[in-house]
């Protein structure tokens, strides 16, 4: 049987298999499998979350026109 990764201090119980991610990954609602991958990769820390947020803000700034979702990064309109 596979060992579960240690609990993340930022994961809060929610409903069924969903938890709430205090770091805001995946819109804040995460499964235990997603949490385990995050923990195994060492991504469950505020520094990594801040880096992701900075990249997202650069790629999709507020007020920028969005055509198709994630693929229409603002970086494509320079």
N, C-alpha and C. Protein backbone atom coordinates (compact mmCIF):
# COMPACT_ATOMS: atom_id res chain seq x y z
N UNK A 1 0.84 -1.18 0.00
CA UNK A 1 0.00 0.00 0.00
C UNK A 1 0.89 1.25 0.00
N UNK A 2 0.53 2.22 -0.81
CA UNK A 2 1.31 3.44 -0.93
C UNK A 2 1.21 4.27 0.35
N UNK A 3 2.32 4.85 0.73
CA UNK A 3 2.34 5.72 1.89
C UNK A 3 1.79 7.09 1.50
N UNK A 4 1.01 7.67 2.36
CA UNK A 4 0.53 9.02 2.14
C UNK A 4 1.62 10.00 2.51
N UNK A 5 1.71 11.06 1.74
CA UNK A 5 2.69 12.11 2.05
C UNK A 5 2.25 12.78 3.36
N UNK A 6 3.18 13.37 4.08
CA UNK A 6 2.81 14.06 5.31
C UNK A 6 1.84 15.20 5.01
N UNK A 7 0.98 15.46 5.96
CA UNK A 7 -0.02 16.52 5.77
C UNK A 7 0.66 17.87 5.58
N UNK A 8 0.07 18.66 4.71
CA UNK A 8 0.59 20.00 4.44
C UNK A 8 -0.07 20.95 5.45
N UNK A 9 0.71 21.85 5.99
CA UNK A 9 0.17 22.78 6.98
C UNK A 9 -0.86 23.73 6.38
N UNK A 10 -0.84 23.88 5.03
CA UNK A 10 -1.75 24.81 4.37
C UNK A 10 -3.04 24.16 3.89
N UNK A 11 -3.18 22.82 4.05
CA UNK A 11 -4.40 22.12 3.61
C UNK A 11 -5.41 22.08 4.74
N UNK A 12 -6.62 22.51 4.42
CA UNK A 12 -7.72 22.49 5.40
C UNK A 12 -8.79 21.53 4.88
N UNK A 13 -9.39 20.72 5.74
CA UNK A 13 -10.45 19.81 5.29
C UNK A 13 -11.63 20.58 4.72
N UNK A 14 -12.30 19.98 3.75
CA UNK A 14 -13.47 20.62 3.15
C UNK A 14 -14.59 19.58 3.08
N UNK A 15 -14.89 19.04 1.93
CA UNK A 15 -15.91 18.00 1.79
C UNK A 15 -15.33 16.82 1.02
N UNK A 16 -15.82 15.63 1.34
CA UNK A 16 -15.38 14.39 0.70
C UNK A 16 -13.87 14.35 0.59
N UNK A 17 -13.35 14.19 -0.63
CA UNK A 17 -11.91 14.09 -0.84
C UNK A 17 -11.29 15.46 -1.13
N UNK A 18 -12.09 16.52 -1.11
CA UNK A 18 -11.55 17.85 -1.41
C UNK A 18 -11.05 18.52 -0.14
N UNK A 19 -10.02 19.28 -0.31
CA UNK A 19 -9.50 20.10 0.77
C UNK A 19 -9.38 21.53 0.26
N UNK A 20 -9.15 22.43 1.15
CA UNK A 20 -8.92 23.83 0.76
C UNK A 20 -7.44 24.12 0.89
N UNK A 21 -6.85 24.62 -0.19
CA UNK A 21 -5.43 24.93 -0.19
C UNK A 21 -5.23 26.37 0.25
N UNK A 22 -4.52 26.54 1.35
CA UNK A 22 -4.24 27.86 1.86
C UNK A 22 -3.29 28.66 0.99
N UNK A 23 -2.60 27.96 0.05
CA UNK A 23 -1.69 28.63 -0.86
C UNK A 23 -2.40 29.08 -2.13
N UNK A 24 -3.65 28.65 -2.31
CA UNK A 24 -4.44 29.08 -3.46
C UNK A 24 -4.25 28.28 -4.73
N UNK A 25 -3.55 27.16 -4.67
CA UNK A 25 -3.37 26.34 -5.86
C UNK A 25 -4.70 25.78 -6.35
N UNK A 26 -4.85 25.64 -7.65
CA UNK A 26 -6.03 25.05 -8.28
C UNK A 26 -7.32 25.72 -7.82
N UNK A 27 -7.31 26.99 -7.68
CA UNK A 27 -8.50 27.71 -7.25
C UNK A 27 -8.82 27.52 -5.78
N UNK A 28 -7.92 26.89 -5.06
CA UNK A 28 -8.11 26.69 -3.63
C UNK A 28 -8.70 25.35 -3.25
N UNK A 29 -9.37 24.66 -4.18
CA UNK A 29 -9.97 23.35 -3.88
C UNK A 29 -9.10 22.26 -4.48
N UNK A 30 -8.56 21.41 -3.64
CA UNK A 30 -7.62 20.39 -4.08
C UNK A 30 -7.99 19.02 -3.52
N UNK A 31 -7.56 17.97 -4.25
CA UNK A 31 -7.74 16.60 -3.76
C UNK A 31 -6.49 16.19 -3.00
N UNK A 32 -6.57 15.10 -2.27
CA UNK A 32 -5.41 14.61 -1.53
C UNK A 32 -4.30 14.21 -2.49
N UNK A 33 -4.66 13.67 -3.67
CA UNK A 33 -3.65 13.30 -4.66
C UNK A 33 -2.87 14.51 -5.14
N UNK A 34 -3.57 15.61 -5.37
CA UNK A 34 -2.92 16.85 -5.78
C UNK A 34 -2.01 17.35 -4.67
N UNK A 35 -2.48 17.28 -3.45
CA UNK A 35 -1.66 17.70 -2.30
C UNK A 35 -0.40 16.84 -2.20
N UNK A 36 -0.56 15.53 -2.37
CA UNK A 36 0.59 14.63 -2.27
C UNK A 36 1.65 14.97 -3.32
N UNK A 37 1.23 15.22 -4.57
CA UNK A 37 2.19 15.59 -5.62
C UNK A 37 2.89 16.90 -5.29
N UNK A 38 2.13 17.86 -4.79
CA UNK A 38 2.70 19.16 -4.42
C UNK A 38 3.76 18.99 -3.32
N UNK A 39 3.45 18.20 -2.33
CA UNK A 39 4.37 17.96 -1.21
C UNK A 39 5.61 17.21 -1.69
N UNK A 40 5.41 16.17 -2.52
CA UNK A 40 6.54 15.39 -3.03
C UNK A 40 7.49 16.25 -3.86
N UNK A 41 6.96 17.23 -4.58
CA UNK A 41 7.79 18.10 -5.42
C UNK A 41 8.37 19.28 -4.64
N UNK A 42 7.99 19.42 -3.39
CA UNK A 42 8.49 20.52 -2.57
C UNK A 42 7.89 21.87 -2.93
N UNK A 43 6.69 21.84 -3.51
CA UNK A 43 6.03 23.07 -3.94
C UNK A 43 5.06 23.63 -2.91
N UNK A 44 4.96 23.01 -1.76
CA UNK A 44 3.99 23.44 -0.75
C UNK A 44 4.62 24.47 0.20
N UNK A 45 5.01 25.59 -0.38
CA UNK A 45 5.56 26.66 0.44
C UNK A 45 5.17 28.00 -0.16
N UNK A 46 5.21 29.01 0.67
CA UNK A 46 4.75 30.34 0.26
C UNK A 46 5.63 30.97 -0.82
N UNK A 47 6.91 30.66 -0.82
CA UNK A 47 7.82 31.22 -1.84
C UNK A 47 7.44 30.71 -3.22
N UNK A 48 7.17 29.42 -3.34
CA UNK A 48 6.79 28.85 -4.64
C UNK A 48 5.43 29.39 -5.07
N UNK A 49 4.49 29.51 -4.13
CA UNK A 49 3.16 30.05 -4.44
C UNK A 49 3.27 31.49 -4.93
N UNK A 50 4.13 32.28 -4.31
CA UNK A 50 4.32 33.68 -4.73
C UNK A 50 4.91 33.75 -6.13
N UNK A 51 5.85 32.86 -6.45
CA UNK A 51 6.44 32.82 -7.79
C UNK A 51 5.38 32.48 -8.83
N UNK A 52 4.52 31.50 -8.53
CA UNK A 52 3.44 31.14 -9.46
C UNK A 52 2.47 32.30 -9.64
N UNK A 53 2.14 32.97 -8.57
CA UNK A 53 1.21 34.11 -8.64
C UNK A 53 1.81 35.23 -9.49
N UNK A 54 3.11 35.46 -9.35
CA UNK A 54 3.78 36.51 -10.14
C UNK A 54 3.77 36.16 -11.62
N UNK A 55 4.02 34.87 -11.94
CA UNK A 55 3.98 34.44 -13.34
C UNK A 55 2.57 34.58 -13.91
N UNK A 56 1.57 34.21 -13.11
CA UNK A 56 0.18 34.31 -13.57
C UNK A 56 -0.21 35.77 -13.79
N UNK A 57 0.23 36.66 -12.92
CA UNK A 57 -0.10 38.08 -13.07
C UNK A 57 0.54 38.66 -14.33
N UNK A 58 1.74 38.20 -14.65
CA UNK A 58 2.41 38.68 -15.85
C UNK A 58 1.75 38.12 -17.10
N UNK A 59 1.34 36.85 -17.05
CA UNK A 59 0.73 36.20 -18.20
C UNK A 59 -0.72 36.63 -18.42
N UNK A 60 -1.43 36.93 -17.36
CA UNK A 60 -2.84 37.30 -17.44
C UNK A 60 -3.13 38.51 -16.56
N UNK A 61 -2.62 39.68 -16.93
CA UNK A 61 -2.86 40.86 -16.09
C UNK A 61 -4.34 41.24 -16.07
N UNK A 62 -4.75 41.81 -14.96
CA UNK A 62 -6.15 42.26 -14.85
C UNK A 62 -6.41 43.31 -15.91
N UNK A 63 -7.56 43.22 -16.52
CA UNK A 63 -7.94 44.19 -17.54
C UNK A 63 -7.49 43.83 -18.94
N UNK A 64 -6.61 42.84 -19.08
CA UNK A 64 -6.15 42.43 -20.41
C UNK A 64 -7.24 41.59 -21.07
N UNK A 65 -7.44 41.81 -22.34
CA UNK A 65 -8.45 41.06 -23.10
C UNK A 65 -8.06 39.59 -23.16
N UNK A 66 -9.02 38.73 -22.88
CA UNK A 66 -8.77 37.29 -22.94
C UNK A 66 -9.70 36.70 -23.98
N UNK A 67 -9.13 35.92 -24.87
CA UNK A 67 -9.91 35.34 -25.94
C UNK A 67 -10.31 33.90 -25.63
N UNK A 68 -9.35 33.09 -25.25
CA UNK A 68 -9.63 31.66 -25.10
C UNK A 68 -9.21 31.05 -23.78
N UNK A 69 -8.88 31.82 -22.81
CA UNK A 69 -8.47 31.26 -21.54
C UNK A 69 -6.96 31.30 -21.37
N UNK A 70 -6.39 30.22 -20.86
CA UNK A 70 -4.96 30.22 -20.53
C UNK A 70 -4.04 30.37 -21.74
N UNK A 71 -4.48 29.96 -22.90
CA UNK A 71 -3.60 30.00 -24.07
C UNK A 71 -3.41 31.40 -24.61
N UNK A 72 -4.23 32.33 -24.23
CA UNK A 72 -4.11 33.70 -24.77
C UNK A 72 -3.36 34.60 -23.79
N UNK A 73 -2.20 34.16 -23.40
CA UNK A 73 -1.36 34.92 -22.48
C UNK A 73 -1.13 36.33 -22.98
N UNK A 74 -1.10 37.27 -22.08
CA UNK A 74 -0.82 38.66 -22.44
C UNK A 74 0.57 38.79 -23.04
N UNK A 75 1.45 37.83 -22.77
CA UNK A 75 2.78 37.85 -23.34
C UNK A 75 2.73 37.70 -24.85
N UNK A 76 1.63 37.15 -25.39
CA UNK A 76 1.48 36.99 -26.83
C UNK A 76 1.09 38.28 -27.53
N UNK A 77 0.76 39.31 -26.77
CA UNK A 77 0.26 40.57 -27.35
C UNK A 77 1.25 41.71 -27.20
N UNK A 78 2.53 41.42 -27.07
CA UNK A 78 3.53 42.49 -26.91
C UNK A 78 3.79 43.18 -28.22
